[in-house]
């Protein structure tokens, strides 16, 4: 069953009519009837009364949007950033509007999804809306409404339908990539937080929303090992992605740092031709601790260079 069919089944279990279900989910009565017909076919139920009786005791039926988890499934594993995840989770415990701010490509989206999954037990519903495709601020509320799995009603504004869909549910809404819609996002979040007392919003953006009730968390880059040390999230992530791409890293083998001395130019006489003057020279770099087979040793091997006078 789809998410919408699950919601219709749950409301049938509450003995609501088709018109009442349509008003609750902001869809048409004809759409409700099509979902009911699909449910009767999928559940192999003969009559509408049997479907209602089954819905009343159906264990998987939720109560509309609050029973849904709408976070996109990650395609790769999330590594590191333990401190950042703990800090963002703590911020969501004290503030209802948290903005994860940082430059593009630093990992705001993956961090926000990981934190939303970490704190999902605190909320009855968790929804994710990617705002990259939204270019018109007037369509922001409709895009978020679609992310919640609700249909836009033609008889009421999208913001009103969105606030009614969330209601008093304890939910977390993740708004991703808001930098091109900061003004519209600021207005929408203020409206939702005012009318939905149990709603929390996690925003990712390159710039902050600049509203008084906003808690800003600057997302840092991946940690790197200290000079001469090992570890760091950046190194761990690089190694994991390299192995996943089919290029396993060799076992750690410390190679002594090569010290390059001043090159010695050993000139070799060459007959000069008219109109040109030149010489062949062989450049050798001396290594403080040579080791055949080492990359530094291969780089410091003898090579010839053409020198123009």
Protein backbone atom coordinates (compact mmCIF):
# COMPACT_ATOMS: atom_id res chain seq x y z
CA UNK A 1 0.00 0.00 0.00
CA UNK A 2 1.08 3.54 -0.64
CA UNK A 3 1.37 6.16 2.11
CA UNK A 4 -1.85 7.81 0.98
CA UNK A 5 -3.74 4.51 1.01
CA UNK A 6 -2.44 3.84 4.53
CA UNK A 7 -3.79 7.22 5.66
CA UNK A 8 -7.18 6.54 4.05
CA UNK A 9 -7.31 3.11 5.70
CA UNK A 10 -6.54 4.65 9.10
CA UNK A 11 -9.32 7.20 8.74
CA UNK A 12 -11.74 4.50 7.62
CA UNK A 13 -10.93 2.76 10.89
CA UNK A 14 -12.14 5.90 12.67
CA UNK A 15 -15.51 5.43 10.89
CA UNK A 16 -15.25 8.63 8.88
CA UNK A 17 -17.23 9.13 5.70
CA UNK A 18 -15.60 9.70 2.33
CA UNK A 19 -16.36 13.41 2.53
CA UNK A 20 -14.82 13.68 6.00
CA UNK A 21 -11.70 11.82 4.83
CA UNK A 22 -11.42 14.14 1.83
CA UNK A 23 -11.65 17.18 4.09
CA UNK A 24 -9.09 15.74 6.52
CA UNK A 25 -6.53 14.95 3.81
CA UNK A 26 -7.33 17.94 1.55
CA UNK A 27 -8.22 15.76 -1.43
CA UNK A 28 -11.40 15.25 -3.46
CA UNK A 29 -14.10 12.74 -2.65
CA UNK A 30 -13.50 11.03 -5.98
CA UNK A 31 -9.84 10.53 -5.03
CA UNK A 32 -10.92 8.97 -1.74
CA UNK A 33 -13.25 6.61 -3.59
CA UNK A 34 -10.41 5.51 -5.90
CA UNK A 35 -8.17 4.81 -2.90
CA UNK A 36 -10.96 2.82 -1.22
CA UNK A 37 -11.45 0.74 -4.37
CA UNK A 38 -7.69 0.05 -4.52
CA UNK A 39 -7.70 -0.97 -0.85
CA UNK A 40 -10.57 -3.40 -1.36
CA UNK A 41 -8.72 -4.97 -4.27
CA UNK A 42 -5.33 -5.20 -2.52
CA UNK A 43 -6.78 -6.49 0.77
CA UNK A 44 -9.19 -8.85 -0.99
CA UNK A 45 -12.23 -7.39 0.78
CA UNK A 46 -15.67 -7.78 -0.74
CA UNK A 47 -17.75 -5.00 0.83
CA UNK A 48 -17.13 -1.56 2.22
CA UNK A 49 -18.35 -2.64 5.65
CA UNK A 50 -15.75 -5.41 5.77
CA UNK A 51 -13.05 -2.92 4.79
CA UNK A 52 -14.06 -0.59 7.65
CA UNK A 53 -14.08 -3.48 10.10
CA UNK A 54 -10.62 -4.51 8.90
CA UNK A 55 -9.34 -0.93 9.10
CA UNK A 56 -10.50 -0.59 12.70
CA UNK A 57 -8.14 -3.37 13.78
CA UNK A 58 -5.39 -2.86 11.23
CA UNK A 59 -2.07 -2.67 13.21
CA UNK A 60 -0.10 -0.79 10.59
CA UNK A 61 -2.59 1.98 10.14
CA UNK A 62 -1.32 5.31 11.40
CA UNK A 63 -3.03 8.57 11.97
CA UNK A 64 -2.25 10.52 8.86
CA UNK A 65 0.97 12.45 8.51
CA UNK A 66 2.22 11.79 12.03
CA UNK A 67 2.92 8.14 11.24
CA UNK A 68 5.20 8.84 8.28
CA UNK A 69 8.97 8.95 8.00
CA UNK A 70 9.91 10.82 4.86
CA UNK A 71 13.69 11.00 4.95
CA UNK A 72 15.55 10.03 1.76
CA UNK A 73 17.63 6.89 2.10
CA UNK A 74 21.39 7.65 1.86
CA UNK A 75 23.31 5.95 -0.95
CA UNK A 76 26.61 5.87 0.95
CA UNK A 77 27.58 5.45 4.58
CA UNK A 78 27.93 8.48 6.82
CA UNK A 79 31.36 8.63 8.46
CA UNK A 80 32.66 10.88 11.23
CA UNK A 81 31.23 14.19 12.44
CA UNK A 82 30.27 12.77 15.83
CA UNK A 83 30.72 16.13 17.52
CA UNK A 84 28.67 17.98 14.90
CA UNK A 85 25.84 15.47 15.13
CA UNK A 86 25.71 15.76 18.92
CA UNK A 87 25.78 19.56 18.77
CA UNK A 88 22.94 19.80 16.23
CA UNK A 89 20.85 17.26 18.14
CA UNK A 90 21.35 19.27 21.33
CA UNK A 91 20.35 22.47 19.52
CA UNK A 92 17.09 20.86 18.36
CA UNK A 93 16.37 20.04 21.98
CA UNK A 94 16.50 23.69 23.02
CA UNK A 95 15.36 25.56 19.89
CA UNK A 96 12.50 24.98 17.45
CA UNK A 97 14.33 26.57 14.51
CA UNK A 98 17.92 25.51 13.88
CA UNK A 99 19.93 26.57 10.81
CA UNK A 100 22.97 24.58 9.72
CA UNK A 101 24.98 27.17 7.79
CA UNK A 102 28.08 26.64 5.66
CA UNK A 103 29.52 26.93 2.15
CA UNK A 104 28.34 24.69 -0.65
CA UNK A 105 29.69 21.15 -0.64
CA UNK A 106 30.77 21.12 2.99
CA UNK A 107 28.25 18.40 3.89
CA UNK A 108 25.22 20.21 5.32
CA UNK A 109 22.64 17.93 3.71
CA UNK A 110 24.22 14.65 4.84
CA UNK A 111 24.73 16.05 8.33
CA UNK A 112 21.11 17.24 8.56
CA UNK A 113 19.77 13.86 7.41
CA UNK A 114 21.95 12.03 9.91
CA UNK A 115 20.80 14.28 12.75
CA UNK A 116 17.15 13.95 11.70
CA UNK A 117 17.51 10.16 11.86
CA UNK A 118 19.22 10.42 15.26
CA UNK A 119 16.40 12.45 16.82
CA UNK A 120 13.51 10.74 15.01
CA UNK A 121 12.40 9.06 18.24
CA UNK A 122 11.66 12.46 19.75
CA UNK A 123 9.08 13.22 17.05
CA UNK A 124 5.98 11.51 15.74
CA UNK A 125 6.76 12.54 12.15
CA UNK A 126 9.89 13.51 10.26
CA UNK A 127 9.73 15.11 6.83
CA UNK A 128 12.32 16.29 4.33
CA UNK A 129 11.89 18.91 1.60
CA UNK A 130 14.62 19.69 -0.93
CA UNK A 131 14.12 23.27 -2.09
CA UNK A 132 16.59 23.23 -4.99
CA UNK A 133 13.83 22.76 -7.63
CA UNK A 134 11.77 25.60 -6.14
CA UNK A 135 12.64 28.78 -8.02
CA UNK A 136 9.52 30.82 -7.25
CA UNK A 137 9.06 31.87 -3.60
CA UNK A 138 5.30 31.76 -4.10
CA UNK A 139 5.51 27.97 -4.64
CA UNK A 140 7.45 27.27 -1.44
CA UNK A 141 4.46 26.31 0.71
CA UNK A 142 3.09 24.01 -1.99
CA UNK A 143 6.46 22.25 -2.32
CA UNK A 144 6.67 21.67 1.44
CA UNK A 145 3.06 20.48 1.46
CA UNK A 146 3.93 17.92 -1.22
CA UNK A 147 6.91 16.77 0.86
CA UNK A 148 4.51 16.04 3.72
CA UNK A 149 2.50 13.81 1.40
CA UNK A 150 -0.56 16.05 1.43
CA UNK A 151 -2.33 17.40 -1.63
CA UNK A 152 -2.80 21.10 -2.16
CA UNK A 153 -6.38 22.26 -1.85
CA UNK A 154 -7.65 24.69 -4.44
CA UNK A 155 -10.08 26.22 -1.96
CA UNK A 156 -7.50 27.48 0.55
CA UNK A 157 -3.97 28.95 0.45
CA UNK A 158 -1.08 26.52 0.59
CA UNK A 159 0.24 28.00 3.85
CA UNK A 160 -3.14 27.45 5.54
CA UNK A 161 -3.32 23.88 4.25
CA UNK A 162 0.25 23.23 5.42
CA UNK A 163 -0.41 24.56 8.92
CA UNK A 164 -3.60 22.52 9.14
CA UNK A 165 -1.83 19.36 7.94
CA UNK A 166 0.82 19.64 10.65
CA UNK A 167 -1.57 20.83 13.35
CA UNK A 168 -0.45 19.89 16.86
CA UNK A 169 1.64 16.91 15.80
CA UNK A 170 5.08 16.62 17.32
CA UNK A 171 7.11 16.65 14.13
CA UNK A 172 10.47 17.63 12.64
CA UNK A 173 10.63 19.35 9.26
CA UNK A 174 13.96 19.47 7.39
CA UNK A 175 14.19 22.25 4.77
CA UNK A 176 17.28 21.67 2.64
CA UNK A 177 19.10 24.21 0.42
CA UNK A 178 17.26 27.38 1.42
CA UNK A 179 19.86 29.98 0.41
CA UNK A 180 17.92 31.19 -2.66
CA UNK A 181 14.64 31.46 -0.73
CA UNK A 182 15.73 32.81 2.64
CA UNK A 183 13.04 35.50 2.85
CA UNK A 184 10.22 33.15 1.91
CA UNK A 185 11.55 30.42 4.22
CA UNK A 186 11.77 32.90 7.10
CA UNK A 187 8.12 33.93 6.60
CA UNK A 188 6.89 30.33 6.21
CA UNK A 189 8.75 28.97 9.23
CA UNK A 190 7.52 31.81 11.41
CA UNK A 191 3.94 31.06 10.36
CA UNK A 192 4.32 27.30 10.96
CA UNK A 193 6.06 27.65 14.30
CA UNK A 194 3.39 30.07 15.49
CA UNK A 195 0.45 27.84 14.54
CA UNK A 196 2.05 24.44 15.19
CA UNK A 197 3.31 24.44 18.79
CA UNK A 198 4.98 21.00 18.59
CA UNK A 199 6.82 21.51 15.30
CA UNK A 200 10.61 21.88 15.00
CA UNK A 201 12.39 22.98 11.82
CA UNK A 202 15.95 22.16 10.75
CA UNK A 203 17.22 24.36 7.91
CA UNK A 204 20.33 23.98 5.78
CA UNK A 205 21.52 27.05 3.93
CA UNK A 206 24.61 28.94 2.87
CA UNK A 207 23.32 32.00 4.72
CA UNK A 208 21.22 32.34 7.85
CA UNK A 209 17.56 33.35 7.86
CA UNK A 210 18.21 36.34 10.14
CA UNK A 211 15.18 35.94 12.40
CA UNK A 212 15.19 36.42 16.18
CA UNK A 213 14.06 32.87 17.03
CA UNK A 214 16.76 31.19 14.91
CA UNK A 215 19.66 29.16 16.34
CA UNK A 216 22.59 29.15 13.91
CA UNK A 217 25.10 26.30 13.80
CA UNK A 218 28.13 26.92 11.52
CA UNK A 219 29.02 23.60 9.88
CA UNK A 220 32.83 23.15 9.90
CA UNK A 221 34.89 21.18 7.45
CA UNK A 222 35.94 17.61 8.08
CA UNK A 223 38.60 17.28 10.75
CA UNK A 224 42.17 16.62 9.62
CA UNK A 225 45.00 14.96 11.55
CA UNK A 226 47.42 17.21 13.43
CA UNK A 227 50.91 17.74 12.01
CA UNK A 228 52.78 14.48 12.31
CA UNK A 229 49.67 12.67 13.61
CA UNK A 230 47.10 10.31 12.20
CA UNK A 231 43.32 10.04 12.00
CA UNK A 232 40.81 12.74 11.15
CA UNK A 233 37.40 12.44 9.51
CA UNK A 234 38.74 13.67 6.17
CA UNK A 235 41.32 10.88 5.95
CA UNK A 236 38.81 8.24 7.05
CA UNK A 237 36.27 9.39 4.46
CA UNK A 238 38.88 9.52 1.69
CA UNK A 239 40.09 6.00 2.47
CA UNK A 240 36.55 4.59 2.60
CA UNK A 241 35.54 6.17 -0.71
CA UNK A 242 38.77 5.00 -2.36
CA UNK A 243 38.15 1.43 -1.28
CA UNK A 244 34.52 1.63 -2.45
CA UNK A 245 35.73 2.83 -5.86
CA UNK A 246 37.93 -0.25 -6.24
CA UNK A 247 41.26 1.33 -5.35
CA UNK A 248 42.22 -0.20 -1.98
CA UNK A 249 44.91 1.68 -0.18
CA UNK A 250 48.17 -0.15 0.64
CA UNK A 251 49.09 -0.94 4.19
CA UNK A 252 50.46 1.99 6.08
CA UNK A 253 54.17 2.21 5.42
CA UNK A 254 56.00 5.23 6.60
CA UNK A 255 58.37 6.52 3.98
CA UNK A 256 61.22 8.76 5.16
CA UNK A 257 60.87 12.30 3.91
CA UNK A 258 63.44 12.97 1.25
CA UNK A 259 65.67 15.99 1.50
CA UNK A 260 66.46 17.55 -1.82
CA UNK A 261 69.91 19.07 -2.00
CA UNK A 262 71.06 21.65 -4.46
CA UNK A 263 71.22 19.98 -7.91
CA UNK A 264 74.59 19.35 -9.42
CA UNK A 265 74.78 20.21 -13.08
CA UNK A 266 77.16 17.97 -14.94
CA UNK A 267 77.72 19.53 -18.28
CA UNK A 268 78.37 17.46 -21.32
CA UNK A 269 79.99 19.16 -24.34
CA UNK A 270 77.93 19.42 -27.45
CA UNK A 271 78.73 20.94 -30.79
CA UNK A 272 77.00 24.24 -31.31
CA UNK A 273 75.11 24.82 -34.51
CA UNK A 274 74.62 28.17 -36.22
CA UNK A 275 71.72 30.14 -34.87
CA UNK A 276 71.35 28.04 -31.78
CA UNK A 277 73.28 27.49 -28.65
CA UNK A 278 72.60 24.94 -26.06
CA UNK A 279 73.89 22.18 -23.94
CA UNK A 280 72.73 18.95 -22.45
CA UNK A 281 72.81 18.77 -18.74
CA UNK A 282 72.07 15.95 -16.40
CA UNK A 283 70.40 16.80 -13.13
CA UNK A 284 70.74 14.50 -10.19
CA UNK A 285 69.04 15.01 -6.86
CA UNK A 286 70.70 13.52 -3.87
CA UNK A 287 68.53 11.80 -1.33
CA UNK A 288 69.37 11.80 2.36
CA UNK A 289 67.98 8.27 2.84
CA UNK A 290 67.58 6.48 -0.48
CA UNK A 291 65.30 3.50 -0.71
CA UNK A 292 64.78 1.77 -4.06
CA UNK A 293 61.13 1.28 -4.88
CA UNK A 294 60.01 4.31 -2.87
CA UNK A 295 58.04 6.97 -4.69
CA UNK A 296 60.33 9.69 -3.44
CA UNK A 297 63.31 7.70 -4.66
CA UNK A 298 61.73 7.27 -8.10
CA UNK A 299 61.09 10.98 -8.24
CA UNK A 300 64.67 11.82 -7.35
CA UNK A 301 66.13 9.48 -9.95
CA UNK A 302 68.38 10.85 -12.68
CA UNK A 303 66.74 12.63 -15.58
CA UNK A 304 67.88 14.82 -18.40
CA UNK A 305 66.84 18.39 -18.99
CA UNK A 306 67.34 20.77 -21.89
CA UNK A 307 68.73 24.11 -20.82
CA UNK A 308 68.41 27.11 -23.14
CA UNK A 309 71.13 29.69 -22.79
